[in-house]
């Protein structure tokens, strides 16, 4: 966990990533948040079945995530899912295909 959070912090600092998401056991969250705060980044959490999704990165991204963090990720609207994927740095082209697929406009084979 520690190395993954450190790697994402490095990527966010360098500008290659705006936002990161890690899923942690509850006992590991406080340590990760401490590292994130020391690095000067914003964060928010989402509890899921004994674990926690920890989003962290640029404040503007966290502000957006905070508008839908109370939903399970599988229940995001196509628009929310698209926004999250883009902010996490997923392939823009694949996110466009995923978005269209979720709207049933361009099914993926």
C-alpha atoms as a PDB file:
ATOM      1  CA  UNK A   1       0.000   0.000   0.000  1.00  0.00           C
ATOM      2  CA  UNK A   2       2.716   2.448   1.002  1.00  0.00           C
ATOM      3  CA  UNK A   3       4.625   2.114  -2.267  1.00  0.00           C
ATOM      4  CA  UNK A   4       1.483   2.464  -4.378  1.00  0.00           C
ATOM      5  CA  UNK A   5       0.389   5.648  -2.610  1.00  0.00           C
ATOM      6  CA  UNK A   6       3.934   7.048  -2.909  1.00  0.00           C
ATOM      7  CA  UNK A   7       4.036   6.235  -6.618  1.00  0.00           C
ATOM      8  CA  UNK A   8       0.712   7.972  -7.220  1.00  0.00           C
ATOM      9  CA  UNK A   9       1.821  11.000  -5.201  1.00  0.00           C
ATOM     10  CA  UNK A  10       4.944  11.211  -7.373  1.00  0.00           C
ATOM     11  CA  UNK A  11       2.866  10.978 -10.576  1.00  0.00           C
ATOM     12  CA  UNK A  12       0.461  13.677  -9.383  1.00  0.00           C
ATOM     13  CA  UNK A  13       3.353  15.972  -8.412  1.00  0.00           C
ATOM     14  CA  UNK A  14       4.928  15.507 -11.860  1.00  0.00           C
ATOM     15  CA  UNK A  15       1.622  16.271 -13.578  1.00  0.00           C
ATOM     16  CA  UNK A  16       1.241  12.929 -15.321  1.00  0.00           C
ATOM     17  CA  UNK A  17      -1.856  12.169 -13.238  1.00  0.00           C
ATOM     18  CA  UNK A  18      -4.567  14.379 -11.737  1.00  0.00           C
ATOM     19  CA  UNK A  19      -6.266  11.857  -9.517  1.00  0.00           C
ATOM     20  CA  UNK A  20      -5.558   8.460  -7.973  1.00  0.00           C
ATOM     21  CA  UNK A  21      -7.769   5.784  -6.485  1.00  0.00           C
ATOM     22  CA  UNK A  22      -6.611   3.058  -4.144  1.00  0.00           C
ATOM     23  CA  UNK A  23      -8.737   0.539  -2.268  1.00  0.00           C
ATOM     24  CA  UNK A  24      -7.407  -0.090   1.227  1.00  0.00           C
ATOM     25  CA  UNK A  25      -8.221  -1.999   4.337  1.00  0.00           C
ATOM     26  CA  UNK A  26      -9.670   0.344   6.938  1.00  0.00           C
ATOM     27  CA  UNK A  27      -6.603   0.047   9.187  1.00  0.00           C
ATOM     28  CA  UNK A  28      -4.337   1.402   6.403  1.00  0.00           C
ATOM     29  CA  UNK A  29      -6.363   4.511   5.558  1.00  0.00           C
ATOM     30  CA  UNK A  30      -5.064   6.900   8.241  1.00  0.00           C
ATOM     31  CA  UNK A  31      -1.426   6.280   7.317  1.00  0.00           C
ATOM     32  CA  UNK A  32      -2.169   6.853   3.618  1.00  0.00           C
ATOM     33  CA  UNK A  33      -4.121  10.049   4.327  1.00  0.00           C
ATOM     34  CA  UNK A  34      -1.238  11.378   6.425  1.00  0.00           C
ATOM     35  CA  UNK A  35       1.138  10.880   3.448  1.00  0.00           C
ATOM     36  CA  UNK A  36      -1.332  12.517   1.062  1.00  0.00           C
ATOM     37  CA  UNK A  37      -1.775  15.545   3.338  1.00  0.00           C
ATOM     38  CA  UNK A  38       2.013  15.927   3.750  1.00  0.00           C
ATOM     39  CA  UNK A  39       2.285  15.999  -0.045  1.00  0.00           C
ATOM     40  CA  UNK A  40      -0.301  18.805  -0.135  1.00  0.00           C
ATOM     41  CA  UNK A  41      -3.065  16.954  -1.956  1.00  0.00           C
ATOM     42  CA  UNK A  42      -6.774  16.695  -1.306  1.00  0.00           C
ATOM     43  CA  UNK A  43      -8.579  13.441  -0.674  1.00  0.00           C
ATOM     44  CA  UNK A  44     -11.951  11.861  -0.008  1.00  0.00           C
ATOM     45  CA  UNK A  45     -13.018   8.398   1.025  1.00  0.00           C
ATOM     46  CA  UNK A  46     -15.800   5.991   0.187  1.00  0.00           C
ATOM     47  CA  UNK A  47     -16.524   3.008   2.446  1.00  0.00           C
ATOM     48  CA  UNK A  48     -17.187  -0.283   0.696  1.00  0.00           C
ATOM     49  CA  UNK A  49     -17.763  -3.668   2.366  1.00  0.00           C
ATOM     50  CA  UNK A  50     -14.947  -3.624   4.936  1.00  0.00           C
ATOM     51  CA  UNK A  51     -12.611  -1.592   2.753  1.00  0.00           C
ATOM     52  CA  UNK A  52     -12.220   2.035   1.755  1.00  0.00           C
ATOM     53  CA  UNK A  53     -11.812   3.631  -1.647  1.00  0.00           C
ATOM     54  CA  UNK A  54      -9.374   6.494  -1.162  1.00  0.00           C
ATOM     55  CA  UNK A  55      -9.388   9.130  -3.896  1.00  0.00           C
ATOM     56  CA  UNK A  56      -6.604  11.707  -3.829  1.00  0.00           C
ATOM     57  CA  UNK A  57      -5.045  14.325  -6.036  1.00  0.00           C
ATOM     58  CA  UNK A  58      -5.793  17.802  -7.298  1.00  0.00           C
ATOM     59  CA  UNK A  59      -8.472  19.657  -5.329  1.00  0.00           C
ATOM     60  CA  UNK A  60     -10.657  20.331  -8.379  1.00  0.00           C
ATOM     61  CA  UNK A  61     -10.853  16.568  -9.041  1.00  0.00           C
ATOM     62  CA  UNK A  62     -11.718  15.807  -5.427  1.00  0.00           C
ATOM     63  CA  UNK A  63     -14.429  18.477  -5.556  1.00  0.00           C
ATOM     64  CA  UNK A  64     -15.957  16.656  -8.531  1.00  0.00           C
ATOM     65  CA  UNK A  65     -15.605  13.199  -6.934  1.00  0.00           C
ATOM     66  CA  UNK A  66     -17.299  14.520  -3.790  1.00  0.00           C
ATOM     67  CA  UNK A  67     -20.484  15.116  -5.793  1.00  0.00           C
ATOM     68  CA  UNK A  68     -20.915  11.392  -6.467  1.00  0.00           C
ATOM     69  CA  UNK A  69     -18.742   9.565  -3.932  1.00  0.00           C
ATOM     70  CA  UNK A  70     -21.788   8.301  -2.041  1.00  0.00           C
ATOM     71  CA  UNK A  71     -22.710   6.033  -4.981  1.00  0.00           C
ATOM     72  CA  UNK A  72     -21.163   2.638  -5.570  1.00  0.00           C
ATOM     73  CA  UNK A  73     -18.787   2.933  -8.517  1.00  0.00           C
ATOM     74  CA  UNK A  74     -20.877   0.387 -10.422  1.00  0.00           C
ATOM     75  CA  UNK A  75     -23.900   2.704 -10.068  1.00  0.00           C
ATOM     76  CA  UNK A  76     -22.339   5.843 -11.539  1.00  0.00           C
ATOM     77  CA  UNK A  77     -24.145   7.424 -14.455  1.00  0.00           C
ATOM     78  CA  UNK A  78     -22.391   7.109 -17.821  1.00  0.00           C
ATOM     79  CA  UNK A  79     -21.314  10.742 -17.450  1.00  0.00           C
ATOM     80  CA  UNK A  80     -19.914  10.279 -13.930  1.00  0.00           C
ATOM     81  CA  UNK A  81     -18.117   7.099 -15.004  1.00  0.00           C
ATOM     82  CA  UNK A  82     -16.589   8.935 -17.975  1.00  0.00           C
ATOM     83  CA  UNK A  83     -15.438  11.864 -15.854  1.00  0.00           C
ATOM     84  CA  UNK A  84     -13.901   9.550 -13.244  1.00  0.00           C
ATOM     85  CA  UNK A  85     -12.060   7.510 -15.875  1.00  0.00           C
ATOM     86  CA  UNK A  86     -10.639  10.592 -17.566  1.00  0.00           C
ATOM     87  CA  UNK A  87      -9.490  12.104 -14.257  1.00  0.00           C
ATOM     88  CA  UNK A  88      -7.851   8.806 -13.280  1.00  0.00           C
ATOM     89  CA  UNK A  89      -5.861   8.957 -16.507  1.00  0.00           C
ATOM     90  CA  UNK A  90      -7.458   6.058 -18.342  1.00  0.00           C
ATOM     91  CA  UNK A  91      -7.215   5.990 -22.137  1.00  0.00           C
ATOM     92  CA  UNK A  92      -9.387   8.787 -23.523  1.00  0.00           C
ATOM     93  CA  UNK A  93     -10.314   6.702 -26.530  1.00  0.00           C
ATOM     94  CA  UNK A  94     -11.307   3.705 -24.409  1.00  0.00           C
ATOM     95  CA  UNK A  95     -13.282   5.966 -22.085  1.00  0.00           C
ATOM     96  CA  UNK A  96     -15.162   7.368 -25.101  1.00  0.00           C
ATOM     97  CA  UNK A  97     -15.984   3.829 -26.264  1.00  0.00           C
ATOM     98  CA  UNK A  98     -17.013   2.848 -22.728  1.00  0.00           C
ATOM     99  CA  UNK A  99     -19.248   5.920 -22.465  1.00  0.00           C
ATOM    100  CA  UNK A 100     -20.935   5.210 -25.791  1.00  0.00           C
ATOM    101  CA  UNK A 101     -21.349   1.552 -24.826  1.00  0.00           C
ATOM    102  CA  UNK A 102     -22.990   2.503 -21.533  1.00  0.00           C
ATOM    103  CA  UNK A 103     -25.386   4.702 -23.501  1.00  0.00           C
ATOM    104  CA  UNK A 104     -26.020   1.741 -25.864  1.00  0.00           C
ATOM    105  CA  UNK A 105     -24.897   3.891 -28.808  1.00  0.00           C
ATOM    106  CA  UNK A 106     -21.820   1.893 -29.782  1.00  0.00           C
ATOM    107  CA  UNK A 107     -21.721  -1.592 -28.259  1.00  0.00           C
ATOM    108  CA  UNK A 108     -18.233  -2.948 -27.714  1.00  0.00           C
ATOM    109  CA  UNK A 109     -17.803  -6.341 -29.408  1.00  0.00           C
END
